[in-house]
Amino acid sequence: MSVPATPAENGGQARARRRYNSPVRRERAIQTRERIVTAGSELVHGFPVWDWSDLTFRAVAERAGVGERTVYRHFPTEVDLHGAVMRRLQEEAGVTYDNLGLDRLTEITARSFATLSSYAVARWDRTEPHQPALVAEDQRRRDALLAAVAPHSVGWSDDERAAAAGMLDVLWNVPTYERLVRTWNLTPSTATEAVSWVLDLVVEAIRAGHRPGTGRPEADQHQQAAPPPADPAQPGPEQTAPEQTEPGQAGSGQAGSGQAGVELGQGGQGAERE
């Protein structure tokens, strides 16, 4: 038969729990988590390709100087760990997809391109995300672009809206920037300005109601084309061709202006002869 705990013993257990959940311990936990995320960010910056297969619990633990169990304690799964590192990279670049609007695209694009030099990735155009965290991040970006286009594309089809958001994504994507730098020998700043220039044109078209493939706003397509300018050699709607008369005979009715001038001249000469 167990002996019930005395009040003194209960008080000791409560004090132990308070010490375990003490502010000092919580602060240490926060610092440890920070070291883990920072270690993950440093590892990603050193990867030669945009592949996070080597961002493992063991690699991060060794970089952070902690045990693997400590990493597991803060991040139960690898997806959780990669997600935290991705958020850190976005914080470093000053990039966020929250409440993304068309007016912020060029600013975010410039910030994203400006951070590329801090990575050891040799060729961005040869990378395709396949780790869950990278795939999820790519989906978040596409969803944010669709949401940014939606208020300006009321009445568009899903394909038209997706085409507009997709063009923004293509321009925003790193391989587009890299091709300008590598293939066209542009400086990083000039490449960024070029991408921002085209982004602004696409954004302006979306705001103006230009559907992809139409080339002009939908409202303009329903307007009738202006009639071509009148040919001065052809008679206008109020001008009739002169009537043909036999020699020596006056035309019936009122003659046209050109014929009337000829007749007046002939009449003057006839009056002199008389």
C-alpha atoms as a PDB file:
ATOM      1  CA  MET A   1       0.000   0.000   0.000  1.00  0.00           C
ATOM      2  CA  SER A   2       1.452   3.334  -1.110  1.00  0.00           C
ATOM      3  CA  VAL A   3       1.896   6.141   1.325  1.00  0.00           C
ATOM      4  CA  PRO A   4       0.108   9.367   0.278  1.00  0.00           C
ATOM      5  CA  ALA A   5       2.360  12.282  -0.469  1.00  0.00           C
ATOM      6  CA  THR A   6       2.702  14.844   2.253  1.00  0.00           C
ATOM      7  CA  PRO A   7       2.019  18.556   1.639  1.00  0.00           C
ATOM      8  CA  ALA A   8       5.720  19.195   1.859  1.00  0.00           C
ATOM      9  CA  GLU A   9       6.401  16.670  -0.892  1.00  0.00           C
ATOM     10  CA  ASN A  10       3.641  18.143  -3.093  1.00  0.00           C
ATOM     11  CA  GLY A  11       5.132  21.585  -2.621  1.00  0.00           C
ATOM     12  CA  GLY A  12       8.528  20.285  -3.668  1.00  0.00           C
ATOM     13  CA  GLN A  13       7.091  18.792  -6.887  1.00  0.00           C
ATOM     14  CA  ALA A  14       5.350  22.080  -7.688  1.00  0.00           C
ATOM     15  CA  ARG A  15       8.592  23.979  -7.174  1.00  0.00           C
ATOM     16  CA  ALA A  16      10.384  21.512  -9.459  1.00  0.00           C
ATOM     17  CA  ARG A  17       7.777  22.053 -12.192  1.00  0.00           C
ATOM     18  CA  ARG A  18       8.109  25.800 -11.817  1.00  0.00           C
ATOM     19  CA  ARG A  19      11.877  25.516 -12.145  1.00  0.00           C
ATOM     20  CA  TYR A  20      11.447  23.310 -15.246  1.00  0.00           C
ATOM     21  CA  ASN A  21       9.160  25.895 -16.880  1.00  0.00           C
ATOM     22  CA  SER A  22      11.220  28.818 -15.704  1.00  0.00           C
ATOM     23  CA  PRO A  23      11.776  31.883 -17.935  1.00  0.00           C
ATOM     24  CA  VAL A  24      15.463  31.022 -18.122  1.00  0.00           C
ATOM     25  CA  ARG A  25      14.714  27.591 -19.517  1.00  0.00           C
ATOM     26  CA  ARG A  26      12.246  29.004 -22.052  1.00  0.00           C
ATOM     27  CA  GLU A  27      14.818  31.561 -23.163  1.00  0.00           C
ATOM     28  CA  ARG A  28      17.378  28.817 -23.654  1.00  0.00           C
ATOM     29  CA  ALA A  29      14.884  26.832 -25.723  1.00  0.00           C
ATOM     30  CA  ILE A  30      14.284  29.876 -27.923  1.00  0.00           C
ATOM     31  CA  GLN A  31      18.018  30.374 -28.378  1.00  0.00           C
ATOM     32  CA  THR A  32      18.525  26.716 -29.238  1.00  0.00           C
ATOM     33  CA  ARG A  33      15.766  26.836 -31.835  1.00  0.00           C
ATOM     34  CA  GLU A  34      17.349  29.955 -33.305  1.00  0.00           C
ATOM     35  CA  ARG A  35      20.705  28.192 -33.572  1.00  0.00           C
ATOM     36  CA  ILE A  36      19.072  25.265 -35.363  1.00  0.00           C
ATOM     37  CA  VAL A  37      17.262  27.446 -37.911  1.00  0.00           C
ATOM     38  CA  THR A  38      20.368  29.564 -38.476  1.00  0.00           C
ATOM     39  CA  ALA A  39      22.413  26.411 -39.047  1.00  0.00           C
ATOM     40  CA  GLY A  40      19.875  25.224 -41.605  1.00  0.00           C
ATOM     41  CA  SER A  41      20.007  28.570 -43.424  1.00  0.00           C
ATOM     42  CA  GLU A  42      23.800  28.475 -43.525  1.00  0.00           C
ATOM     43  CA  LEU A  43      23.755  24.965 -44.965  1.00  0.00           C
ATOM     44  CA  VAL A  44      21.282  25.940 -47.704  1.00  0.00           C
ATOM     45  CA  HIS A  45      23.390  28.963 -48.673  1.00  0.00           C
ATOM     46  CA  GLY A  46      26.302  26.592 -49.223  1.00  0.00           C
ATOM     47  CA  PHE A  47      24.512  24.017 -51.377  1.00  0.00           C
ATOM     48  CA  PRO A  48      25.850  23.938 -54.984  1.00  0.00           C
ATOM     49  CA  VAL A  49      22.375  23.084 -56.311  1.00  0.00           C
ATOM     50  CA  TRP A  50      18.885  24.013 -55.149  1.00  0.00           C
ATOM     51  CA  ASP A  51      18.359  20.567 -53.638  1.00  0.00           C
ATOM     52  CA  TRP A  52      17.655  20.178 -49.954  1.00  0.00           C
ATOM     53  CA  SER A  53      18.295  16.432 -49.737  1.00  0.00           C
ATOM     54  CA  ASP A  54      21.354  17.133 -47.584  1.00  0.00           C
ATOM     55  CA  LEU A  55      19.406  19.318 -45.157  1.00  0.00           C
ATOM     56  CA  THR A  56      19.054  16.441 -42.691  1.00  0.00           C
ATOM     57  CA  PHE A  57      18.617  16.353 -38.917  1.00  0.00           C
ATOM     58  CA  ARG A  58      22.176  15.143 -38.510  1.00  0.00           C
ATOM     59  CA  ALA A  59      23.685  17.844 -40.758  1.00  0.00           C
ATOM     60  CA  VAL A  60      21.749  20.598 -39.019  1.00  0.00           C
ATOM     61  CA  ALA A  61      22.569  19.243 -35.555  1.00  0.00           C
ATOM     62  CA  GLU A  62      26.293  19.134 -36.341  1.00  0.00           C
ATOM     63  CA  ARG A  63      26.210  22.650 -37.753  1.00  0.00           C
ATOM     64  CA  ALA A  64      24.287  23.994 -34.754  1.00  0.00           C
ATOM     65  CA  GLY A  65      26.421  22.126 -32.224  1.00  0.00           C
ATOM     66  CA  VAL A  66      23.484  20.247 -30.667  1.00  0.00           C
ATOM     67  CA  GLY A  67      22.303  16.669 -30.591  1.00  0.00           C
ATOM     68  CA  GLU A  68      19.896  15.221 -33.141  1.00  0.00           C
ATOM     69  CA  ARG A  69      17.324  14.655 -30.416  1.00  0.00           C
ATOM     70  CA  THR A  70      17.396  18.370 -29.673  1.00  0.00           C
ATOM     71  CA  VAL A  71      16.557  19.100 -33.309  1.00  0.00           C
ATOM     72  CA  TYR A  72      13.728  16.553 -33.177  1.00  0.00           C
ATOM     73  CA  ARG A  73      12.409  18.179 -30.030  1.00  0.00           C
ATOM     74  CA  HIS A  74      11.911  21.478 -31.861  1.00  0.00           C
ATOM     75  CA  PHE A  75      10.977  20.058 -35.285  1.00  0.00           C
ATOM     76  CA  PRO A  76       9.214  16.675 -35.188  1.00  0.00           C
ATOM     77  CA  THR A  77       9.547  16.082 -38.954  1.00  0.00           C
ATOM     78  CA  GLU A  78      11.939  17.064 -41.711  1.00  0.00           C
ATOM     79  CA  VAL A  79       9.123  18.985 -43.392  1.00  0.00           C
ATOM     80  CA  ASP A  80       8.793  21.122 -40.251  1.00  0.00           C
ATOM     81  CA  LEU A  81      12.534  21.757 -40.233  1.00  0.00           C
ATOM     82  CA  HIS A  82      12.660  22.676 -43.924  1.00  0.00           C
ATOM     83  CA  GLY A  83       9.632  24.920 -43.572  1.00  0.00           C
ATOM     84  CA  ALA A  84      11.269  26.853 -40.741  1.00  0.00           C
ATOM     85  CA  VAL A  85      14.455  27.271 -42.781  1.00  0.00           C
ATOM     86  CA  MET A  86      12.454  28.478 -45.800  1.00  0.00           C
ATOM     87  CA  ARG A  87      10.729  31.109 -43.687  1.00  0.00           C
ATOM     88  CA  ARG A  88      14.134  32.226 -42.426  1.00  0.00           C
ATOM     89  CA  LEU A  89      15.398  32.623 -45.995  1.00  0.00           C
ATOM     90  CA  GLN A  90      12.366  34.741 -46.849  1.00  0.00           C
ATOM     91  CA  GLU A  91      12.961  36.907 -43.792  1.00  0.00           C
ATOM     92  CA  GLU A  92      16.566  37.397 -44.881  1.00  0.00           C
ATOM     93  CA  ALA A  93      15.413  38.482 -48.345  1.00  0.00           C
ATOM     94  CA  GLY A  94      12.526  40.593 -47.055  1.00  0.00           C
ATOM     95  CA  VAL A  95      10.062  38.565 -49.130  1.00  0.00           C
ATOM     96  CA  THR A  96       6.584  37.495 -48.087  1.00  0.00           C
ATOM     97  CA  TYR A  97       3.575  36.184 -50.001  1.00  0.00           C
ATOM     98  CA  ASP A  98       1.075  37.350 -47.405  1.00  0.00           C
ATOM     99  CA  ASN A  99      -1.456  39.788 -48.902  1.00  0.00           C
ATOM    100  CA  LEU A 100       0.566  39.976 -52.101  1.00  0.00           C
ATOM    101  CA  GLY A 101      -0.688  42.659 -54.483  1.00  0.00           C
ATOM    102  CA  LEU A 102       0.234  43.600 -58.043  1.00  0.00           C
ATOM    103  CA  ASP A 103       1.758  46.854 -56.817  1.00  0.00           C
ATOM    104  CA  ARG A 104       4.410  44.958 -54.801  1.00  0.00           C
ATOM    105  CA  LEU A 105       5.606  42.520 -57.452  1.00  0.00           C
ATOM    106  CA  THR A 106       8.524  44.511 -58.812  1.00  0.00           C
ATOM    107  CA  GLU A 107       9.747  45.348 -55.304  1.00  0.00           C
ATOM    108  CA  ILE A 108       9.647  41.722 -54.156  1.00  0.00           C
ATOM    109  CA  THR A 109      11.248  40.548 -57.395  1.00  0.00           C
ATOM    110  CA  ALA A 110      14.147  42.951 -56.959  1.00  0.00           C
ATOM    111  CA  ARG A 111      14.664  41.785 -53.374  1.00  0.00           C
ATOM    112  CA  SER A 112      14.621  38.130 -54.411  1.00  0.00           C
ATOM    113  CA  PHE A 113      17.183  38.642 -57.169  1.00  0.00           C
ATOM    114  CA  ALA A 114      19.407  40.728 -54.882  1.00  0.00           C
ATOM    115  CA  THR A 115      19.918  37.788 -52.504  1.00  0.00           C
ATOM    116  CA  LEU A 116      20.994  35.278 -55.170  1.00  0.00           C
ATOM    117  CA  SER A 117      24.656  36.175 -54.842  1.00  0.00           C
ATOM    118  CA  SER A 118      24.616  34.915 -51.253  1.00  0.00           C
ATOM    119  CA  TYR A 119      23.963  31.341 -52.465  1.00  0.00           C
ATOM    120  CA  ALA A 120      26.489  28.888 -53.881  1.00  0.00           C
ATOM    121  CA  VAL A 121      24.015  27.499 -56.441  1.00  0.00           C
ATOM    122  CA  ALA A 122      25.844  27.271 -59.763  1.00  0.00           C
ATOM    123  CA  ARG A 123      22.891  27.048 -62.162  1.00  0.00           C
ATOM    124  CA  TRP A 124      19.361  27.924 -61.100  1.00  0.00           C
ATOM    125  CA  ASP A 125      17.882  26.954 -64.456  1.00  0.00           C
ATOM    126  CA  ARG A 126      18.777  23.305 -63.843  1.00  0.00           C
ATOM    127  CA  THR A 127      16.898  22.969 -60.594  1.00  0.00           C
ATOM    128  CA  GLU A 128      13.353  21.809 -60.090  1.00  0.00           C
ATOM    129  CA  PRO A 129      11.962  21.588 -56.551  1.00  0.00           C
ATOM    130  CA  HIS A 130      10.972  18.122 -55.444  1.00  0.00           C
ATOM    131  CA  GLN A 131      11.383  18.239 -51.657  1.00  0.00           C
ATOM    132  CA  PRO A 132       7.997  18.739 -49.945  1.00  0.00           C
ATOM    133  CA  ALA A 133       8.984  22.104 -48.454  1.00  0.00           C
ATOM    134  CA  LEU A 134      10.145  23.442 -51.826  1.00  0.00           C
ATOM    135  CA  VAL A 135       7.081  22.120 -53.631  1.00  0.00           C
ATOM    136  CA  ALA A 136       4.829  23.679 -50.990  1.00  0.00           C
ATOM    137  CA  GLU A 137       6.682  26.993 -51.311  1.00  0.00           C
ATOM    138  CA  ASP A 138       6.245  26.958 -55.085  1.00  0.00           C
ATOM    139  CA  GLN A 139       2.528  26.329 -54.637  1.00  0.00           C
ATOM    140  CA  ARG A 140       2.266  29.192 -52.137  1.00  0.00           C
ATOM    141  CA  ARG A 141       3.841  31.566 -54.647  1.00  0.00           C
ATOM    142  CA  ARG A 142       1.452  30.501 -57.415  1.00  0.00           C
ATOM    143  CA  ASP A 143      -1.562  30.809 -55.124  1.00  0.00           C
ATOM    144  CA  ALA A 144      -0.423  34.291 -54.076  1.00  0.00           C
ATOM    145  CA  LEU A 145      -0.090  35.392 -57.715  1.00  0.00           C
ATOM    146  CA  LEU A 146      -3.550  34.059 -58.577  1.00  0.00           C
ATOM    147  CA  ALA A 147      -4.976  35.930 -55.595  1.00  0.00           C
ATOM    148  CA  ALA A 148      -3.224  39.126 -56.721  1.00  0.00           C
ATOM    149  CA  VAL A 149      -4.683  38.839 -60.233  1.00  0.00           C
ATOM    150  CA  ALA A 150      -8.217  37.886 -59.117  1.00  0.00           C
ATOM    151  CA  PRO A 151      -9.546  41.399 -58.227  1.00  0.00           C
ATOM    152  CA  HIS A 152      -8.553  42.683 -61.671  1.00  0.00           C
ATOM    153  CA  SER A 153      -9.856  39.747 -63.720  1.00  0.00           C
ATOM    154  CA  VAL A 154     -13.563  39.594 -62.908  1.00  0.00           C
ATOM    155  CA  GLY A 155     -15.351  37.791 -65.715  1.00  0.00           C
ATOM    156  CA  TRP A 156     -12.215  36.105 -67.012  1.00  0.00           C
ATOM    157  CA  SER A 157     -12.072  32.362 -67.485  1.00  0.00           C
ATOM    158  CA  ASP A 158      -9.903  30.244 -65.184  1.00  0.00           C
ATOM    159  CA  ASP A 159      -7.452  29.657 -68.030  1.00  0.00           C
ATOM    160  CA  GLU A 160      -7.142  33.389 -68.733  1.00  0.00           C
ATOM    161  CA  ARG A 161      -6.545  34.153 -65.064  1.00  0.00           C
ATOM    162  CA  ALA A 162      -4.012  31.332 -64.799  1.00  0.00           C
ATOM    163  CA  ALA A 163      -2.230  32.548 -67.943  1.00  0.00           C
ATOM    164  CA  ALA A 164      -1.867  36.056 -66.507  1.00  0.00           C
ATOM    165  CA  ALA A 165      -0.610  34.790 -63.131  1.00  0.00           C
ATOM    166  CA  GLY A 166       1.652  32.296 -64.915  1.00  0.00           C
ATOM    167  CA  MET A 167       3.336  35.038 -66.924  1.00  0.00           C
ATOM    168  CA  LEU A 168       4.045  36.932 -63.721  1.00  0.00           C
ATOM    169  CA  ASP A 169       5.507  33.746 -62.244  1.00  0.00           C
ATOM    170  CA  VAL A 170       7.733  33.159 -65.286  1.00  0.00           C
ATOM    171  CA  LEU A 171       9.093  36.694 -65.102  1.00  0.00           C
ATOM    172  CA  TRP A 172       9.546  36.467 -61.346  1.00  0.00           C
ATOM    173  CA  ASN A 173      11.312  33.104 -61.563  1.00  0.00           C
ATOM    174  CA  VAL A 174      15.075  33.001 -61.047  1.00  0.00           C
ATOM    175  CA  PRO A 175      15.947  31.167 -64.332  1.00  0.00           C
ATOM    176  CA  THR A 176      14.567  34.166 -66.271  1.00  0.00           C
ATOM    177  CA  TYR A 177      16.942  36.484 -64.433  1.00  0.00           C
ATOM    178  CA  GLU A 178      19.825  34.037 -64.757  1.00  0.00           C
ATOM    179  CA  ARG A 179      19.411  33.749 -68.538  1.00  0.00           C
ATOM    180  CA  LEU A 180      19.610  37.514 -68.898  1.00  0.00           C
ATOM    181  CA  VAL A 181      22.841  37.541 -66.891  1.00  0.00           C
ATOM    182  CA  ARG A 182      24.510  34.449 -68.356  1.00  0.00           C
ATOM    183  CA  THR A 183      23.302  34.382 -71.951  1.00  0.00           C
ATOM    184  CA  TRP A 184      22.741  38.084 -72.620  1.00  0.00           C
ATOM    185  CA  ASN A 185      25.687  39.231 -70.496  1.00  0.00           C
ATOM    186  CA  LEU A 186      23.620  41.783 -68.603  1.00  0.00           C
ATOM    187  CA  THR A 187      24.737  43.026 -65.237  1.00  0.00           C
ATOM    188  CA  PRO A 188      22.590  41.850 -62.315  1.00  0.00           C
ATOM    189  CA  SER A 189      21.140  45.331 -61.863  1.00  0.00           C
ATOM    190  CA  THR A 190      20.299  45.670 -65.571  1.00  0.00           C
ATOM    191  CA  ALA A 191      18.711  42.209 -65.612  1.00  0.00           C
ATOM    192  CA  THR A 192      16.592  43.119 -62.601  1.00  0.00           C
ATOM    193  CA  GLU A 193      15.507  46.375 -64.241  1.00  0.00           C
ATOM    194  CA  ALA A 194      14.594  44.524 -67.437  1.00  0.00           C
ATOM    195  CA  VAL A 195      12.454  41.986 -65.606  1.00  0.00           C
ATOM    196  CA  SER A 196      10.791  44.745 -63.571  1.00  0.00           C
ATOM    197  CA  TRP A 197      10.092  46.674 -66.775  1.00  0.00           C
ATOM    198  CA  VAL A 198       8.209  43.763 -68.362  1.00  0.00           C
ATOM    199  CA  LEU A 199       6.485  42.963 -65.080  1.00  0.00           C
ATOM    200  CA  ASP A 200       5.126  46.510 -64.964  1.00  0.00           C
ATOM    201  CA  LEU A 201       3.819  46.157 -68.525  1.00  0.00           C
ATOM    202  CA  VAL A 202       2.005  42.909 -67.709  1.00  0.00           C
ATOM    203  CA  VAL A 203       0.603  44.367 -64.485  1.00  0.00           C
ATOM    204  CA  GLU A 204      -0.623  47.431 -66.379  1.00  0.00           C
ATOM    205  CA  ALA A 205      -2.321  45.200 -68.950  1.00  0.00           C
ATOM    206  CA  ILE A 206      -4.047  43.155 -66.238  1.00  0.00           C
ATOM    207  CA  ARG A 207      -5.292  46.264 -64.469  1.00  0.00           C
ATOM    208  CA  ALA A 208      -6.568  47.668 -67.779  1.00  0.00           C
ATOM    209  CA  GLY A 209      -8.598  44.522 -68.394  1.00  0.00           C
ATOM    210  CA  HIS A 210      -6.452  43.069 -71.170  1.00  0.00           C
ATOM    211  CA  ARG A 211      -7.218  39.379 -71.358  1.00  0.00           C
ATOM    212  CA  PRO A 212      -4.269  37.173 -72.395  1.00  0.00           C
ATOM    213  CA  GLY A 213      -4.285  36.822 -76.173  1.00  0.00           C
ATOM    214  CA  THR A 214      -6.679  39.696 -76.932  1.00  0.00           C
ATOM    215  CA  GLY A 215      -4.122  42.461 -77.162  1.00  0.00           C
ATOM    216  CA  ARG A 216      -6.552  45.113 -75.911  1.00  0.00           C
ATOM    217  CA  PRO A 217      -9.244  45.558 -73.248  1.00  0.00           C
ATOM    218  CA  GLU A 218     -12.454  43.653 -73.717  1.00  0.00           C
ATOM    219  CA  ALA A 219     -14.461  46.898 -73.840  1.00  0.00           C
ATOM    220  CA  ASP A 220     -12.437  48.113 -76.817  1.00  0.00           C
ATOM    221  CA  GLN A 221     -13.183  44.994 -78.804  1.00  0.00           C
ATOM    222  CA  HIS A 222     -16.905  45.814 -78.915  1.00  0.00           C
ATOM    223  CA  GLN A 223     -16.373  49.296 -80.269  1.00  0.00           C
ATOM    224  CA  GLN A 224     -16.846  49.677 -84.007  1.00  0.00           C
ATOM    225  CA  ALA A 225     -13.802  50.650 -85.952  1.00  0.00           C
ATOM    226  CA  ALA A 226     -13.728  54.259 -87.133  1.00  0.00           C
ATOM    227  CA  PRO A 227     -14.599  54.679 -90.834  1.00  0.00           C
ATOM    228  CA  PRO A 228     -11.620  55.195 -93.143  1.00  0.00           C
ATOM    229  CA  PRO A 229     -10.872  58.768 -94.236  1.00  0.00           C
ATOM    230  CA  ALA A 230     -12.725  59.899 -97.335  1.00  0.00           C
ATOM    231  CA  ASP A 231     -10.865  59.840-100.636  1.00  0.00           C
ATOM    232  CA  PRO A 232     -10.751  63.420-101.966  1.00  0.00           C
ATOM    233  CA  ALA A 233     -10.924  62.054-105.529  1.00  0.00           C
ATOM    234  CA  GLN A 234     -14.310  60.462-104.855  1.00  0.00           C
ATOM    235  CA  PRO A 235     -17.526  62.467-104.438  1.00  0.00           C
ATOM    236  CA  GLY A 236     -18.727  62.821-100.887  1.00  0.00           C
ATOM    237  CA  PRO A 237     -22.221  61.941 -99.665  1.00  0.00           C
ATOM    238  CA  GLU A 238     -23.439  65.493-100.401  1.00  0.00           C
ATOM    239  CA  GLN A 239     -21.487  65.927-103.611  1.00  0.00           C
ATOM    240  CA  THR A 240     -22.813  64.539-106.914  1.00  0.00           C
ATOM    241  CA  ALA A 241     -20.968  64.063-110.122  1.00  0.00           C
ATOM    242  CA  PRO A 242     -21.650  66.690-112.812  1.00  0.00           C
ATOM    243  CA  GLU A 243     -24.267  65.857-115.422  1.00  0.00           C
ATOM    244  CA  GLN A 244     -23.048  65.242-118.949  1.00  0.00           C
ATOM    245  CA  THR A 245     -24.654  67.572-121.523  1.00  0.00           C
ATOM    246  CA  GLU A 246     -24.535  67.815-125.254  1.00  0.00           C
ATOM    247  CA  PRO A 247     -22.300  70.566-126.698  1.00  0.00           C
ATOM    248  CA  GLY A 248     -24.105  73.870-126.673  1.00  0.00           C
ATOM    249  CA  GLN A 249     -26.828  72.672-124.322  1.00  0.00           C
ATOM    250  CA  ALA A 250     -27.256  73.747-120.717  1.00  0.00           C
ATOM    251  CA  GLY A 251     -27.373  71.019-118.107  1.00  0.00           C
ATOM    252  CA  SER A 252     -30.750  70.223-116.617  1.00  0.00           C
ATOM    253  CA  GLY A 253     -31.224  71.247-113.015  1.00  0.00           C
ATOM    254  CA  GLN A 254     -28.386  72.622-110.925  1.00  0.00           C
ATOM    255  CA  ALA A 255     -24.919  71.845-112.141  1.00  0.00           C
ATOM    256  CA  GLY A 256     -22.055  70.742-109.875  1.00  0.00           C
ATOM    257  CA  SER A 257     -19.604  73.312-108.655  1.00  0.00           C
ATOM    258  CA  GLY A 258     -16.849  72.357-111.120  1.00  0.00           C
ATOM    259  CA  GLN A 259     -19.136  72.391-114.147  1.00  0.00           C
ATOM    260  CA  ALA A 260     -20.769  75.644-112.998  1.00  0.00           C
ATOM    261  CA  GLY A 261     -17.396  77.393-113.026  1.00  0.00           C
ATOM    262  CA  VAL A 262     -16.753  76.286-116.590  1.00  0.00           C
ATOM    263  CA  GLU A 263     -20.166  77.459-117.719  1.00  0.00           C
ATOM    264  CA  LEU A 264     -19.745  80.880-116.091  1.00  0.00           C
ATOM    265  CA  GLY A 265     -16.488  81.365-117.929  1.00  0.00           C
ATOM    266  CA  GLN A 266     -18.015  80.361-121.220  1.00  0.00           C
ATOM    267  CA  GLY A 267     -20.967  82.675-120.613  1.00  0.00           C
ATOM    268  CA  GLY A 268     -18.662  85.631-120.039  1.00  0.00           C
ATOM    269  CA  GLN A 269     -16.850  85.043-123.299  1.00  0.00           C
ATOM    270  CA  GLY A 270     -20.181  84.774-125.158  1.00  0.00           C
ATOM    271  CA  ALA A 271     -21.365  88.072-123.705  1.00  0.00           C
ATOM    272  CA  GLU A 272     -18.275  89.860-125.035  1.00  0.00           C
ATOM    273  CA  ARG A 273     -18.840  88.499-128.552  1.00  0.00           C
ATOM    274  CA  GLU A 274     -22.403  89.725-128.504  1.00  0.00           C
END
